[in-house]
């Protein structure tokens, strides 16, 4: 049913669905309070840094719909930075009610599924 580039398009489409409201909130409305459930102090610098990163991923994901294999490294960057945040912040503080669980669960879902999409799309195996 799904193979090759179609699998990558699933990841790009998921990114777009997730990031349109998230990135727009970073620039135009609630800032980090909505995304981080009010558990991370809002600051203009943090909001613009994270918003800019997520906006870049949003644009790259839109381009990835047209050129899935070329933009596959964008998915790898997401896996690395989200796994790093989960390992260095969420896991050590997992019992702290101050950890934003909504975004943590989304990040975990991406970290667990995007490697599979990359593998089964053939992108990683092309180098063998």
PDB file of N, CA and C in Angstrom:
ATOM      1  N   UNK A   1       0.832  -1.190   0.000  1.00  0.00           N
ATOM      2  CA  UNK A   1       0.000   0.000   0.000  1.00  0.00           C
ATOM      3  C   UNK A   1       0.876   1.253   0.000  1.00  0.00           C
ATOM      4  N   UNK A   2       1.617   1.483   1.083  1.00  0.00           N
ATOM      5  CA  UNK A   2       2.543   2.610   1.131  1.00  0.00           C
ATOM      6  C   UNK A   2       3.946   2.065   0.971  1.00  0.00           C
ATOM      7  N   UNK A   3       4.720   2.706   0.127  1.00  0.00           N
ATOM      8  CA  UNK A   3       6.113   2.306  -0.010  1.00  0.00           C
ATOM      9  C   UNK A   3       6.941   3.501  -0.439  1.00  0.00           C
ATOM     10  N   UNK A   4       8.239   3.361  -0.280  1.00  0.00           N
ATOM     11  CA  UNK A   4       9.176   4.386  -0.714  1.00  0.00           C
ATOM     12  C   UNK A   4       8.800   5.793  -0.284  1.00  0.00           C
ATOM     13  N   UNK A   5       8.779   6.711  -1.243  1.00  0.00           N
ATOM     14  CA  UNK A   5       8.497   8.117  -0.937  1.00  0.00           C
ATOM     15  C   UNK A   5       7.151   8.350  -0.253  1.00  0.00           C
ATOM     16  N   UNK A   6       6.170   7.484  -0.505  1.00  0.00           N
ATOM     17  CA  UNK A   6       4.859   7.664   0.135  1.00  0.00           C
ATOM     18  C   UNK A   6       4.956   7.591   1.652  1.00  0.00           C
ATOM     19  N   UNK A   7       5.841   6.739   2.149  1.00  0.00           N
ATOM     20  CA  UNK A   7       6.016   6.637   3.598  1.00  0.00           C
ATOM     21  C   UNK A   7       6.568   7.932   4.172  1.00  0.00           C
ATOM     22  N   UNK A   8       7.515   8.526   3.473  1.00  0.00           N
ATOM     23  CA  UNK A   8       8.069   9.794   3.937  1.00  0.00           C
ATOM     24  C   UNK A   8       7.010  10.889   3.911  1.00  0.00           C
ATOM     25  N   UNK A   9       6.137  10.835   2.932  1.00  0.00           N
ATOM     26  CA  UNK A   9       5.073  11.846   2.848  1.00  0.00           C
ATOM     27  C   UNK A   9       4.146  11.785   4.061  1.00  0.00           C
ATOM     28  N   UNK A  10       4.011  10.615   4.667  1.00  0.00           N
ATOM     29  CA  UNK A  10       3.217  10.500   5.894  1.00  0.00           C
ATOM     30  C   UNK A  10       3.846  11.365   6.986  1.00  0.00           C
ATOM     31  N   UNK A  11       5.166  11.274   7.125  1.00  0.00           N
ATOM     32  CA  UNK A  11       5.866  12.074   8.136  1.00  0.00           C
ATOM     33  C   UNK A  11       5.746  13.563   7.830  1.00  0.00           C
ATOM     34  N   UNK A  12       5.937  13.934   6.569  1.00  0.00           N
ATOM     35  CA  UNK A  12       5.839  15.357   6.214  1.00  0.00           C
ATOM     36  C   UNK A  12       4.428  15.887   6.463  1.00  0.00           C
ATOM     37  N   UNK A  13       3.423  15.095   6.105  1.00  0.00           N
ATOM     38  CA  UNK A  13       2.037  15.521   6.338  1.00  0.00           C
ATOM     39  C   UNK A  13       1.758  15.644   7.832  1.00  0.00           C
ATOM     40  N   UNK A  14       2.258  14.711   8.631  1.00  0.00           N
ATOM     41  CA  UNK A  14       2.083  14.799  10.091  1.00  0.00           C
ATOM     42  C   UNK A  14       2.753  16.055  10.626  1.00  0.00           C
ATOM     43  N   UNK A  15       3.963  16.335  10.149  1.00  0.00           N
ATOM     44  CA  UNK A  15       4.646  17.562  10.573  1.00  0.00           C
ATOM     45  C   UNK A  15       3.808  18.794  10.270  1.00  0.00           C
ATOM     46  N   UNK A  16       3.261  18.841   9.080  1.00  0.00           N
ATOM     47  CA  UNK A  16       2.470  20.002   8.680  1.00  0.00           C
ATOM     48  C   UNK A  16       1.235  20.141   9.568  1.00  0.00           C
ATOM     49  N   UNK A  17       0.526  19.033   9.782  1.00  0.00           N
ATOM     50  CA  UNK A  17      -0.672  19.077  10.630  1.00  0.00           C
ATOM     51  C   UNK A  17      -0.350  19.526  12.056  1.00  0.00           C
ATOM     52  N   UNK A  18       0.778  19.070  12.564  1.00  0.00           N
ATOM     53  CA  UNK A  18       1.182  19.436  13.926  1.00  0.00           C
ATOM     54  C   UNK A  18       1.697  20.867  13.975  1.00  0.00           C
ATOM     55  N   UNK A  19       2.511  21.241  12.986  1.00  0.00           N
ATOM     56  CA  UNK A  19       3.252  22.491  13.086  1.00  0.00           C
ATOM     57  C   UNK A  19       2.515  23.743  12.634  1.00  0.00           C
ATOM     58  N   UNK A  20       1.497  23.624  11.815  1.00  0.00           N
ATOM     59  CA  UNK A  20       0.774  24.844  11.421  1.00  0.00           C
ATOM     60  C   UNK A  20       0.208  25.550  12.658  1.00  0.00           C
ATOM     61  N   UNK A  21      -0.550  24.871  13.513  1.00  0.00           N
ATOM     62  CA  UNK A  21      -1.052  25.587  14.697  1.00  0.00           C
ATOM     63  C   UNK A  21       0.047  25.921  15.706  1.00  0.00           C
ATOM     64  N   UNK A  22       1.022  25.040  15.844  1.00  0.00           N
ATOM     65  CA  UNK A  22       2.079  25.264  16.827  1.00  0.00           C
ATOM     66  C   UNK A  22       2.946  26.451  16.434  1.00  0.00           C
ATOM     67  N   UNK A  23       3.420  26.466  15.204  1.00  0.00           N
ATOM     68  CA  UNK A  23       4.289  27.567  14.764  1.00  0.00           C
ATOM     69  C   UNK A  23       3.536  28.894  14.755  1.00  0.00           C
ATOM     70  N   UNK A  24       2.284  28.866  14.325  1.00  0.00           N
ATOM     71  CA  UNK A  24       1.530  30.123  14.306  1.00  0.00           C
ATOM     72  C   UNK A  24       1.304  30.644  15.726  1.00  0.00           C
ATOM     73  N   UNK A  25       1.125  29.737  16.686  1.00  0.00           N
ATOM     74  CA  UNK A  25       0.944  30.207  18.064  1.00  0.00           C
ATOM     75  C   UNK A  25       2.226  30.814  18.607  1.00  0.00           C
ATOM     76  N   UNK A  26       3.354  30.319  18.155  1.00  0.00           N
ATOM     77  CA  UNK A  26       4.626  30.873  18.617  1.00  0.00           C
ATOM     78  C   UNK A  26       4.815  32.314  18.149  1.00  0.00           C
ATOM     79  N   UNK A  27       4.318  32.629  16.961  1.00  0.00           N
ATOM     80  CA  UNK A  27       4.512  33.967  16.408  1.00  0.00           C
ATOM     81  C   UNK A  27       3.339  34.913  16.651  1.00  0.00           C
ATOM     82  N   UNK A  28       2.122  34.372  16.758  1.00  0.00           N
ATOM     83  CA  UNK A  28       0.962  35.249  16.742  1.00  0.00           C
ATOM     84  C   UNK A  28       0.068  35.226  17.968  1.00  0.00           C
ATOM     85  N   UNK A  29       0.166  34.216  18.807  1.00  0.00           N
ATOM     86  CA  UNK A  29      -0.791  34.199  19.925  1.00  0.00           C
ATOM     87  C   UNK A  29      -0.146  33.771  21.226  1.00  0.00           C
ATOM     88  N   UNK A  30      -0.514  32.636  21.752  1.00  0.00           N
ATOM     89  CA  UNK A  30      -0.146  32.236  23.098  1.00  0.00           C
ATOM     90  C   UNK A  30       1.309  31.969  23.363  1.00  0.00           C
ATOM     91  N   UNK A  31       2.127  31.936  22.334  1.00  0.00           N
ATOM     92  CA  UNK A  31       3.530  31.672  22.557  1.00  0.00           C
ATOM     93  C   UNK A  31       3.764  30.283  23.103  1.00  0.00           C
ATOM     94  N   UNK A  32       4.722  30.177  23.994  1.00  0.00           N
ATOM     95  CA  UNK A  32       5.086  28.867  24.518  1.00  0.00           C
ATOM     96  C   UNK A  32       4.074  28.340  25.525  1.00  0.00           C
ATOM     97  N   UNK A  33       3.212  29.198  26.058  1.00  0.00           N
ATOM     98  CA  UNK A  33       2.300  28.745  27.109  1.00  0.00           C
ATOM     99  C   UNK A  33       1.349  27.656  26.618  1.00  0.00           C
ATOM    100  N   UNK A  34       0.824  27.788  25.408  1.00  0.00           N
ATOM    101  CA  UNK A  34      -0.069  26.766  24.890  1.00  0.00           C
ATOM    102  C   UNK A  34       0.663  25.487  24.533  1.00  0.00           C
ATOM    103  N   UNK A  35       1.777  25.623  23.852  1.00  0.00           N
ATOM    104  CA  UNK A  35       2.543  24.468  23.401  1.00  0.00           C
ATOM    105  C   UNK A  35       3.114  23.691  24.580  1.00  0.00           C
ATOM    106  N   UNK A  36       3.632  24.417  25.552  1.00  0.00           N
ATOM    107  CA  UNK A  36       4.267  23.785  26.703  1.00  0.00           C
ATOM    108  C   UNK A  36       3.351  23.747  27.924  1.00  0.00           C
ATOM    109  N   UNK A  37       2.045  23.910  27.694  1.00  0.00           N
ATOM    110  CA  UNK A  37       1.015  23.772  28.732  1.00  0.00           C
ATOM    111  C   UNK A  37       1.226  24.720  29.912  1.00  0.00           C
ATOM    112  N   UNK A  38       1.876  25.850  29.652  1.00  0.00           N
ATOM    113  CA  UNK A  38       2.129  26.815  30.707  1.00  0.00           C
ATOM    114  C   UNK A  38       3.176  26.361  31.712  1.00  0.00           C
ATOM    115  N   UNK A  39       3.905  25.290  31.382  1.00  0.00           N
ATOM    116  CA  UNK A  39       4.867  24.714  32.321  1.00  0.00           C
ATOM    117  C   UNK A  39       6.302  25.159  32.052  1.00  0.00           C
ATOM    118  N   UNK A  40       6.523  25.851  30.955  1.00  0.00           N
ATOM    119  CA  UNK A  40       7.835  26.408  30.628  1.00  0.00           C
ATOM    120  C   UNK A  40       7.663  27.918  30.577  1.00  0.00           C
ATOM    121  N   UNK A  41       8.454  28.652  31.331  1.00  0.00           N
ATOM    122  CA  UNK A  41       8.295  30.107  31.338  1.00  0.00           C
ATOM    123  C   UNK A  41       8.422  30.691  29.929  1.00  0.00           C
ATOM    124  N   UNK A  42       7.492  31.562  29.583  1.00  0.00           N
ATOM    125  CA  UNK A  42       7.495  32.185  28.260  1.00  0.00           C
ATOM    126  C   UNK A  42       8.514  33.312  28.241  1.00  0.00           C
ATOM    127  N   UNK A  43       9.277  33.354  27.186  1.00  0.00           N
ATOM    128  CA  UNK A  43      10.162  34.485  26.952  1.00  0.00           C
ATOM    129  C   UNK A  43      10.229  34.704  25.449  1.00  0.00           C
ATOM    130  N   UNK A  44      10.396  35.947  25.055  1.00  0.00           N
ATOM    131  CA  UNK A  44      10.416  36.261  23.633  1.00  0.00           C
ATOM    132  C   UNK A  44      11.530  35.505  22.923  1.00  0.00           C
ATOM    133  N   UNK A  45      12.702  35.444  23.538  1.00  0.00           N
ATOM    134  CA  UNK A  45      13.826  34.747  22.916  1.00  0.00           C
ATOM    135  C   UNK A  45      13.549  33.270  22.700  1.00  0.00           C
ATOM    136  N   UNK A  46      13.037  32.595  23.730  1.00  0.00           N
ATOM    137  CA  UNK A  46      12.712  31.173  23.612  1.00  0.00           C
ATOM    138  C   UNK A  46      11.628  30.957  22.564  1.00  0.00           C
ATOM    139  N   UNK A  47      10.596  31.774  22.640  1.00  0.00           N
ATOM    140  CA  UNK A  47       9.471  31.636  21.700  1.00  0.00           C
ATOM    141  C   UNK A  47       9.943  31.802  20.262  1.00  0.00           C
ATOM    142  N   UNK A  48      10.768  32.796  19.979  1.00  0.00           N
ATOM    143  CA  UNK A  48      11.232  33.031  18.613  1.00  0.00           C
ATOM    144  C   UNK A  48      12.238  31.977  18.157  1.00  0.00           C
ATOM    145  N   UNK A  49      13.067  31.509  19.059  1.00  0.00           N
ATOM    146  CA  UNK A  49      14.019  30.455  18.702  1.00  0.00           C
ATOM    147  C   UNK A  49      13.285  29.173  18.330  1.00  0.00           C
ATOM    148  N   UNK A  50      12.418  28.723  19.208  1.00  0.00           N
ATOM    149  CA  UNK A  50      11.679  27.481  18.964  1.00  0.00           C
ATOM    150  C   UNK A  50      10.712  27.661  17.790  1.00  0.00           C
ATOM    151  N   UNK A  51      10.046  28.801  17.738  1.00  0.00           N
ATOM    152  CA  UNK A  51       9.131  29.069  16.625  1.00  0.00           C
ATOM    153  C   UNK A  51       9.851  29.072  15.286  1.00  0.00           C
ATOM    154  N   UNK A  52      11.033  29.635  15.244  1.00  0.00           N
ATOM    155  CA  UNK A  52      11.810  29.668  13.999  1.00  0.00           C
ATOM    156  C   UNK A  52      12.225  28.264  13.574  1.00  0.00           C
ATOM    157  N   UNK A  53      12.661  27.454  14.532  1.00  0.00           N
ATOM    158  CA  UNK A  53      13.025  26.068  14.229  1.00  0.00           C
ATOM    159  C   UNK A  53      11.818  25.317  13.677  1.00  0.00           C
ATOM    160  N   UNK A  54      10.705  25.428  14.361  1.00  0.00           N
ATOM    161  CA  UNK A  54       9.516  24.700  13.919  1.00  0.00           C
ATOM    162  C   UNK A  54       8.971  25.241  12.601  1.00  0.00           C
ATOM    163  N   UNK A  55       9.112  26.537  12.353  1.00  0.00           N
ATOM    164  CA  UNK A  55       8.689  27.092  11.068  1.00  0.00           C
ATOM    165  C   UNK A  55       9.580  26.556   9.951  1.00  0.00           C
ATOM    166  N   UNK A  56      10.878  26.446  10.196  1.00  0.00           N
ATOM    167  CA  UNK A  56      11.785  25.886   9.193  1.00  0.00           C
ATOM    168  C   UNK A  56      11.418  24.427   8.896  1.00  0.00           C
ATOM    169  N   UNK A  57      11.092  23.664   9.944  1.00  0.00           N
ATOM    170  CA  UNK A  57      10.679  22.272   9.741  1.00  0.00           C
ATOM    171  C   UNK A  57       9.359  22.220   8.970  1.00  0.00           C
ATOM    172  N   UNK A  58       8.464  23.149   9.253  1.00  0.00           N
ATOM    173  CA  UNK A  58       7.200  23.222   8.522  1.00  0.00           C
ATOM    174  C   UNK A  58       7.442  23.471   7.034  1.00  0.00           C
ATOM    175  N   UNK A  59       8.288  24.451   6.707  1.00  0.00           N
ATOM    176  CA  UNK A  59       8.593  24.737   5.301  1.00  0.00           C
ATOM    177  C   UNK A  59       9.296  23.552   4.631  1.00  0.00           C
ATOM    178  N   UNK A  60      10.246  22.949   5.344  1.00  0.00           N
ATOM    179  CA  UNK A  60      10.934  21.781   4.803  1.00  0.00           C
ATOM    180  C   UNK A  60       9.995  20.609   4.592  1.00  0.00           C
ATOM    181  N   UNK A  61       9.019  20.472   5.462  1.00  0.00           N
ATOM    182  CA  UNK A  61       8.033  19.391   5.313  1.00  0.00           C
ATOM    183  C   UNK A  61       7.134  19.627   4.111  1.00  0.00           C
ATOM    184  N   UNK A  62       6.775  20.880   3.872  1.00  0.00           N
ATOM    185  CA  UNK A  62       5.974  21.199   2.677  1.00  0.00           C
ATOM    186  C   UNK A  62       6.772  20.855   1.423  1.00  0.00           C
ATOM    187  N   UNK A  63       8.055  21.197   1.410  1.00  0.00           N
ATOM    188  CA  UNK A  63       8.909  20.847   0.269  1.00  0.00           C
ATOM    189  C   UNK A  63       9.088  19.332   0.183  1.00  0.00           C
ATOM    190  N   UNK A  64       9.122  18.670   1.344  1.00  0.00           N
ATOM    191  CA  UNK A  64       9.284  17.224   1.374  1.00  0.00           C
ATOM    192  C   UNK A  64       8.119  16.470   0.762  1.00  0.00           C
ATOM    193  N   UNK A  65       6.952  17.080   0.734  1.00  0.00           N
ATOM    194  CA  UNK A  65       5.820  16.435   0.055  1.00  0.00           C
ATOM    195  C   UNK A  65       6.107  16.277  -1.431  1.00  0.00           C
ATOM    196  N   UNK A  66       6.813  17.250  -2.012  1.00  0.00           N
ATOM    197  CA  UNK A  66       7.144  17.196  -3.436  1.00  0.00           C
ATOM    198  C   UNK A  66       8.426  16.404  -3.699  1.00  0.00           C
ATOM    199  N   UNK A  67       9.398  16.522  -2.789  1.00  0.00           N
ATOM    200  CA  UNK A  67      10.703  15.884  -2.971  1.00  0.00           C
ATOM    201  C   UNK A  67      11.059  15.084  -1.709  1.00  0.00           C
ATOM    202  N   UNK A  68      10.360  13.978  -1.483  1.00  0.00           N
ATOM    203  CA  UNK A  68      10.486  13.278  -0.200  1.00  0.00           C
ATOM    204  C   UNK A  68      11.900  12.814   0.147  1.00  0.00           C
ATOM    205  N   UNK A  69      12.613  12.220  -0.764  1.00  0.00           N
ATOM    206  CA  UNK A  69      13.934  11.677  -0.434  1.00  0.00           C
ATOM    207  C   UNK A  69      14.945  12.785  -0.165  1.00  0.00           C
ATOM    208  N   UNK A  70      14.855  13.858  -0.898  1.00  0.00           N
ATOM    209  CA  UNK A  70      15.805  14.962  -0.735  1.00  0.00           C
ATOM    210  C   UNK A  70      15.680  15.591   0.655  1.00  0.00           C
ATOM    211  N   UNK A  71      14.459  15.660   1.185  1.00  0.00           N
ATOM    212  CA  UNK A  71      14.240  16.295   2.480  1.00  0.00           C
ATOM    213  C   UNK A  71      14.242  15.297   3.646  1.00  0.00           C
ATOM    214  N   UNK A  72      14.600  14.042   3.393  1.00  0.00           N
ATOM    215  CA  UNK A  72      14.664  13.037   4.457  1.00  0.00           C
ATOM    216  C   UNK A  72      15.605  13.425   5.608  1.00  0.00           C
ATOM    217  N   UNK A  73      16.736  14.104   5.349  1.00  0.00           N
ATOM    218  CA  UNK A  73      17.578  14.513   6.481  1.00  0.00           C
ATOM    219  C   UNK A  73      16.842  15.403   7.496  1.00  0.00           C
ATOM    220  N   UNK A  74      15.844  16.124   7.060  1.00  0.00           N
ATOM    221  CA  UNK A  74      15.043  16.932   7.981  1.00  0.00           C
ATOM    222  C   UNK A  74      14.365  16.037   9.026  1.00  0.00           C
ATOM    223  N   UNK A  75      13.903  14.878   8.605  1.00  0.00           N
ATOM    224  CA  UNK A  75      13.269  13.942   9.536  1.00  0.00           C
ATOM    225  C   UNK A  75      14.292  13.402  10.528  1.00  0.00           C
ATOM    226  N   UNK A  76      15.508  13.159  10.044  1.00  0.00           N
ATOM    227  CA  UNK A  76      16.572  12.696  10.936  1.00  0.00           C
ATOM    228  C   UNK A  76      16.919  13.759  11.978  1.00  0.00           C
ATOM    229  N   UNK A  77      16.971  15.010  11.570  1.00  0.00           N
ATOM    230  CA  UNK A  77      17.233  16.104  12.523  1.00  0.00           C
ATOM    231  C   UNK A  77      16.149  16.117  13.596  1.00  0.00           C
ATOM    232  N   UNK A  78      14.910  15.925  13.197  1.00  0.00           N
ATOM    233  CA  UNK A  78      13.820  15.903  14.173  1.00  0.00           C
ATOM    234  C   UNK A  78      13.984  14.749  15.163  1.00  0.00           C
ATOM    235  N   UNK A  79      14.347  13.589  14.666  1.00  0.00           N
ATOM    236  CA  UNK A  79      14.538  12.434  15.542  1.00  0.00           C
ATOM    237  C   UNK A  79      15.614  12.750  16.579  1.00  0.00           C
ATOM    238  N   UNK A  80      16.710  13.319  16.122  1.00  0.00           N
ATOM    239  CA  UNK A  80      17.842  13.585  17.019  1.00  0.00           C
ATOM    240  C   UNK A  80      17.488  14.639  18.063  1.00  0.00           C
ATOM    241  N   UNK A  81      16.931  15.773  17.636  1.00  0.00           N
ATOM    242  CA  UNK A  81      16.694  16.820  18.637  1.00  0.00           C
ATOM    243  C   UNK A  81      15.556  16.453  19.577  1.00  0.00           C
ATOM    244  N   UNK A  82      14.552  15.758  19.103  1.00  0.00           N
ATOM    245  CA  UNK A  82      13.449  15.375  19.978  1.00  0.00           C
ATOM    246  C   UNK A  82      13.869  14.267  20.948  1.00  0.00           C
ATOM    247  N   UNK A  83      14.652  13.318  20.463  1.00  0.00           N
ATOM    248  CA  UNK A  83      15.165  12.272  21.351  1.00  0.00           C
ATOM    249  C   UNK A  83      16.083  12.877  22.413  1.00  0.00           C
ATOM    250  N   UNK A  84      16.883  13.839  22.013  1.00  0.00           N
ATOM    251  CA  UNK A  84      17.777  14.507  22.970  1.00  0.00           C
ATOM    252  C   UNK A  84      16.975  15.194  24.067  1.00  0.00           C
ATOM    253  N   UNK A  85      15.907  15.894  23.692  1.00  0.00           N
ATOM    254  CA  UNK A  85      15.066  16.574  24.685  1.00  0.00           C
ATOM    255  C   UNK A  85      14.380  15.559  25.605  1.00  0.00           C
ATOM    256  N   UNK A  86      13.894  14.474  25.016  1.00  0.00           N
ATOM    257  CA  UNK A  86      13.237  13.448  25.830  1.00  0.00           C
ATOM    258  C   UNK A  86      14.216  12.807  26.815  1.00  0.00           C
ATOM    259  N   UNK A  87      15.434  12.544  26.367  1.00  0.00           N
ATOM    260  CA  UNK A  87      16.427  11.878  27.223  1.00  0.00           C
ATOM    261  C   UNK A  87      16.996  12.818  28.282  1.00  0.00           C
ATOM    262  N   UNK A  88      17.258  14.067  27.893  1.00  0.00           N
ATOM    263  CA  UNK A  88      17.942  14.971  28.826  1.00  0.00           C
ATOM    264  C   UNK A  88      17.008  15.775  29.720  1.00  0.00           C
ATOM    265  N   UNK A  89      15.760  15.944  29.301  1.00  0.00           N
ATOM    266  CA  UNK A  89      14.843  16.762  30.108  1.00  0.00           C
ATOM    267  C   UNK A  89      13.643  15.959  30.620  1.00  0.00           C
ATOM    268  N   UNK A  90      12.944  15.304  29.724  1.00  0.00           N
ATOM    269  CA  UNK A  90      11.697  14.639  30.119  1.00  0.00           C
ATOM    270  C   UNK A  90      11.966  13.426  31.003  1.00  0.00           C
ATOM    271  N   UNK A  91      12.839  12.535  30.578  1.00  0.00           N
ATOM    272  CA  UNK A  91      13.076  11.316  31.365  1.00  0.00           C
ATOM    273  C   UNK A  91      13.582  11.622  32.774  1.00  0.00           C
ATOM    274  N   UNK A  92      14.608  12.465  32.930  1.00  0.00           N
ATOM    275  CA  UNK A  92      15.072  12.734  34.302  1.00  0.00           C
ATOM    276  C   UNK A  92      14.024  13.427  35.184  1.00  0.00           C
ATOM    277  N   UNK A  93      13.062  14.104  34.565  1.00  0.00           N
ATOM    278  CA  UNK A  93      12.043  14.852  35.307  1.00  0.00           C
ATOM    279  C   UNK A  93      10.652  14.231  35.164  1.00  0.00           C
ATOM    280  N   UNK A  94      10.597  12.954  34.819  1.00  0.00           N
ATOM    281  CA  UNK A  94       9.315  12.304  34.484  1.00  0.00           C
ATOM    282  C   UNK A  94       8.290  12.357  35.612  1.00  0.00           C
ATOM    283  N   UNK A  95       8.721  12.466  36.851  1.00  0.00           N
ATOM    284  CA  UNK A  95       7.787  12.539  37.977  1.00  0.00           C
ATOM    285  C   UNK A  95       7.418  13.972  38.341  1.00  0.00           C
ATOM    286  N   UNK A  96       7.998  14.923  37.667  1.00  0.00           N
ATOM    287  CA  UNK A  96       7.751  16.343  37.929  1.00  0.00           C
ATOM    288  C   UNK A  96       6.493  16.784  37.185  1.00  0.00           C
ATOM    289  N   UNK A  97       5.496  17.287  37.878  1.00  0.00           N
ATOM    290  CA  UNK A  97       4.278  17.736  37.185  1.00  0.00           C
ATOM    291  C   UNK A  97       4.529  18.944  36.288  1.00  0.00           C
ATOM    292  N   UNK A  98       5.719  19.522  36.358  1.00  0.00           N
ATOM    293  CA  UNK A  98       6.064  20.657  35.516  1.00  0.00           C
ATOM    294  C   UNK A  98       6.500  20.272  34.109  1.00  0.00           C
ATOM    295  N   UNK A  99       6.610  18.982  33.828  1.00  0.00           N
ATOM    296  CA  UNK A  99       6.987  18.535  32.490  1.00  0.00           C
ATOM    297  C   UNK A  99       5.746  18.559  31.594  1.00  0.00           C
ATOM    298  N   UNK A 100       5.821  19.249  30.460  1.00  0.00           N
ATOM    299  CA  UNK A 100       4.667  19.291  29.550  1.00  0.00           C
ATOM    300  C   UNK A 100       4.486  17.938  28.857  1.00  0.00           C
ATOM    301  N   UNK A 101       3.482  17.195  29.271  1.00  0.00           N
ATOM    302  CA  UNK A 101       3.307  15.834  28.765  1.00  0.00           C
ATOM    303  C   UNK A 101       2.732  15.781  27.351  1.00  0.00           C
ATOM    304  N   UNK A 102       1.941  16.752  26.966  1.00  0.00           N
ATOM    305  CA  UNK A 102       1.370  16.732  25.617  1.00  0.00           C
ATOM    306  C   UNK A 102       2.441  16.723  24.547  1.00  0.00           C
ATOM    307  N   UNK A 103       3.342  17.689  24.611  1.00  0.00           N
ATOM    308  CA  UNK A 103       4.407  17.761  23.615  1.00  0.00           C
ATOM    309  C   UNK A 103       5.380  16.599  23.782  1.00  0.00           C
ATOM    310  N   UNK A 104       5.552  16.122  25.009  1.00  0.00           N
ATOM    311  CA  UNK A 104       6.443  14.982  25.243  1.00  0.00           C
ATOM    312  C   UNK A 104       5.919  13.733  24.542  1.00  0.00           C
ATOM    313  N   UNK A 105       4.624  13.512  24.613  1.00  0.00           N
ATOM    314  CA  UNK A 105       4.023  12.343  23.961  1.00  0.00           C
ATOM    315  C   UNK A 105       4.131  12.469  22.441  1.00  0.00           C
ATOM    316  N   UNK A 106       3.900  13.657  21.909  1.00  0.00           N
ATOM    317  CA  UNK A 106       4.039  13.866  20.463  1.00  0.00           C
ATOM    318  C   UNK A 106       5.479  13.604  20.035  1.00  0.00           C
ATOM    319  N   UNK A 107       6.441  14.151  20.793  1.00  0.00           N
ATOM    320  CA  UNK A 107       7.852  13.927  20.474  1.00  0.00           C
ATOM    321  C   UNK A 107       8.183  12.439  20.520  1.00  0.00           C
ATOM    322  N   UNK A 108       7.691  11.731  21.528  1.00  0.00           N
ATOM    323  CA  UNK A 108       7.950  10.301  21.643  1.00  0.00           C
ATOM    324  C   UNK A 108       7.389   9.549  20.437  1.00  0.00           C
ATOM    325  N   UNK A 109       6.192   9.907  20.030  1.00  0.00           N
ATOM    326  CA  UNK A 109       5.596   9.276  18.850  1.00  0.00           C
ATOM    327  C   UNK A 109       6.450   9.476  17.606  1.00  0.00           C
ATOM    328  N   UNK A 110       6.981  10.671  17.448  1.00  0.00           N
ATOM    329  CA  UNK A 110       7.836  10.961  16.292  1.00  0.00           C
ATOM    330  C   UNK A 110       9.145  10.179  16.392  1.00  0.00           C
ATOM    331  N   UNK A 111       9.750  10.169  17.563  1.00  0.00           N
ATOM    332  CA  UNK A 111      11.025   9.463  17.751  1.00  0.00           C
ATOM    333  C   UNK A 111      10.862   7.959  17.503  1.00  0.00           C
ATOM    334  N   UNK A 112       9.703   7.417  17.822  1.00  0.00           N
ATOM    335  CA  UNK A 112       9.477   5.987  17.626  1.00  0.00           C
ATOM    336  C   UNK A 112       9.060   5.626  16.199  1.00  0.00           C
ATOM    337  N   UNK A 113       8.374   6.533  15.500  1.00  0.00           N
ATOM    338  CA  UNK A 113       7.852   6.167  14.178  1.00  0.00           C
ATOM    339  C   UNK A 113       8.688   6.667  12.997  1.00  0.00           C
ATOM    340  N   UNK A 114       9.290   7.835  13.098  1.00  0.00           N
ATOM    341  CA  UNK A 114      10.019   8.366  11.944  1.00  0.00           C
ATOM    342  C   UNK A 114      11.200   7.488  11.525  1.00  0.00           C
ATOM    343  N   UNK A 115      11.937   6.877  12.465  1.00  0.00           N
ATOM    344  CA  UNK A 115      13.000   5.965  12.004  1.00  0.00           C
ATOM    345  C   UNK A 115      12.442   4.805  11.172  1.00  0.00           C
ATOM    346  N   UNK A 116      11.279   4.304  11.559  1.00  0.00           N
ATOM    347  CA  UNK A 116      10.658   3.224  10.790  1.00  0.00           C
ATOM    348  C   UNK A 116      10.247   3.698   9.405  1.00  0.00           C
ATOM    349  N   UNK A 117       9.680   4.888   9.327  1.00  0.00           N
ATOM    350  CA  UNK A 117       9.299   5.426   8.022  1.00  0.00           C
ATOM    351  C   UNK A 117      10.528   5.629   7.139  1.00  0.00           C
ATOM    352  N   UNK A 118      11.609   6.124   7.722  1.00  0.00           N
ATOM    353  CA  UNK A 118      12.844   6.295   6.954  1.00  0.00           C
ATOM    354  C   UNK A 118      13.396   4.943   6.498  1.00  0.00           C
ATOM    355  N   UNK A 119      13.394   3.969   7.389  1.00  0.00           N
ATOM    356  CA  UNK A 119      13.930   2.654   7.041  1.00  0.00           C
ATOM    357  C   UNK A 119      13.097   1.988   5.942  1.00  0.00           C
ATOM    358  N   UNK A 120      11.790   1.916   6.153  1.00  0.00           N
ATOM    359  CA  UNK A 120      10.949   1.206   5.197  1.00  0.00           C
ATOM    360  C   UNK A 120      10.749   1.967   3.892  1.00  0.00           C
ATOM    361  N   UNK A 121      11.077   3.252   3.887  1.00  0.00           N
ATOM    362  CA  UNK A 121      11.010   4.008   2.634  1.00  0.00           C
ATOM    363  C   UNK A 121      12.191   3.663   1.738  1.00  0.00           C
ATOM    364  N   UNK A 122      13.224   3.077   2.327  1.00  0.00           N
ATOM    365  CA  UNK A 122      14.413   2.729   1.556  1.00  0.00           C
ATOM    366  C   UNK A 122      15.475   3.801   1.556  1.00  0.00           C
ATOM    367  N   UNK A 123      15.217   4.929   2.196  1.00  0.00           N
ATOM    368  CA  UNK A 123      16.176   6.028   2.194  1.00  0.00           C
ATOM    369  C   UNK A 123      17.476   5.615   2.863  1.00  0.00           C
ATOM    370  N   UNK A 124      17.408   4.980   4.024  1.00  0.00           N
ATOM    371  CA  UNK A 124      18.624   4.586   4.739  1.00  0.00           C
ATOM    372  C   UNK A 124      19.305   3.387   4.065  1.00  0.00           C
ATOM    373  N   UNK A 125      18.535   2.540   3.441  1.00  0.00           N
ATOM    374  CA  UNK A 125      19.109   1.356   2.814  1.00  0.00           C
ATOM    375  C   UNK A 125      19.742   1.672   1.470  1.00  0.00           C
ATOM    376  N   UNK A 126      19.458   2.829   0.897  1.00  0.00           N
ATOM    377  CA  UNK A 126      19.991   3.191  -0.419  1.00  0.00           C
ATOM    378  C   UNK A 126      21.508   3.281  -0.391  1.00  0.00           C
ATOM    379  N   UNK A 127      22.087   3.556   0.767  1.00  0.00           N
ATOM    380  CA  UNK A 127      23.537   3.707   0.876  1.00  0.00           C
ATOM    381  C   UNK A 127      24.257   2.359   0.973  1.00  0.00           C
ATOM    382  N   UNK A 128      23.524   1.286   1.160  1.00  0.00           N
ATOM    383  CA  UNK A 128      24.157  -0.040   1.316  1.00  0.00           C
ATOM    384  C   UNK A 128      24.686  -0.544   0.002  1.00  0.00           C
TER     385      UNK A 128
END
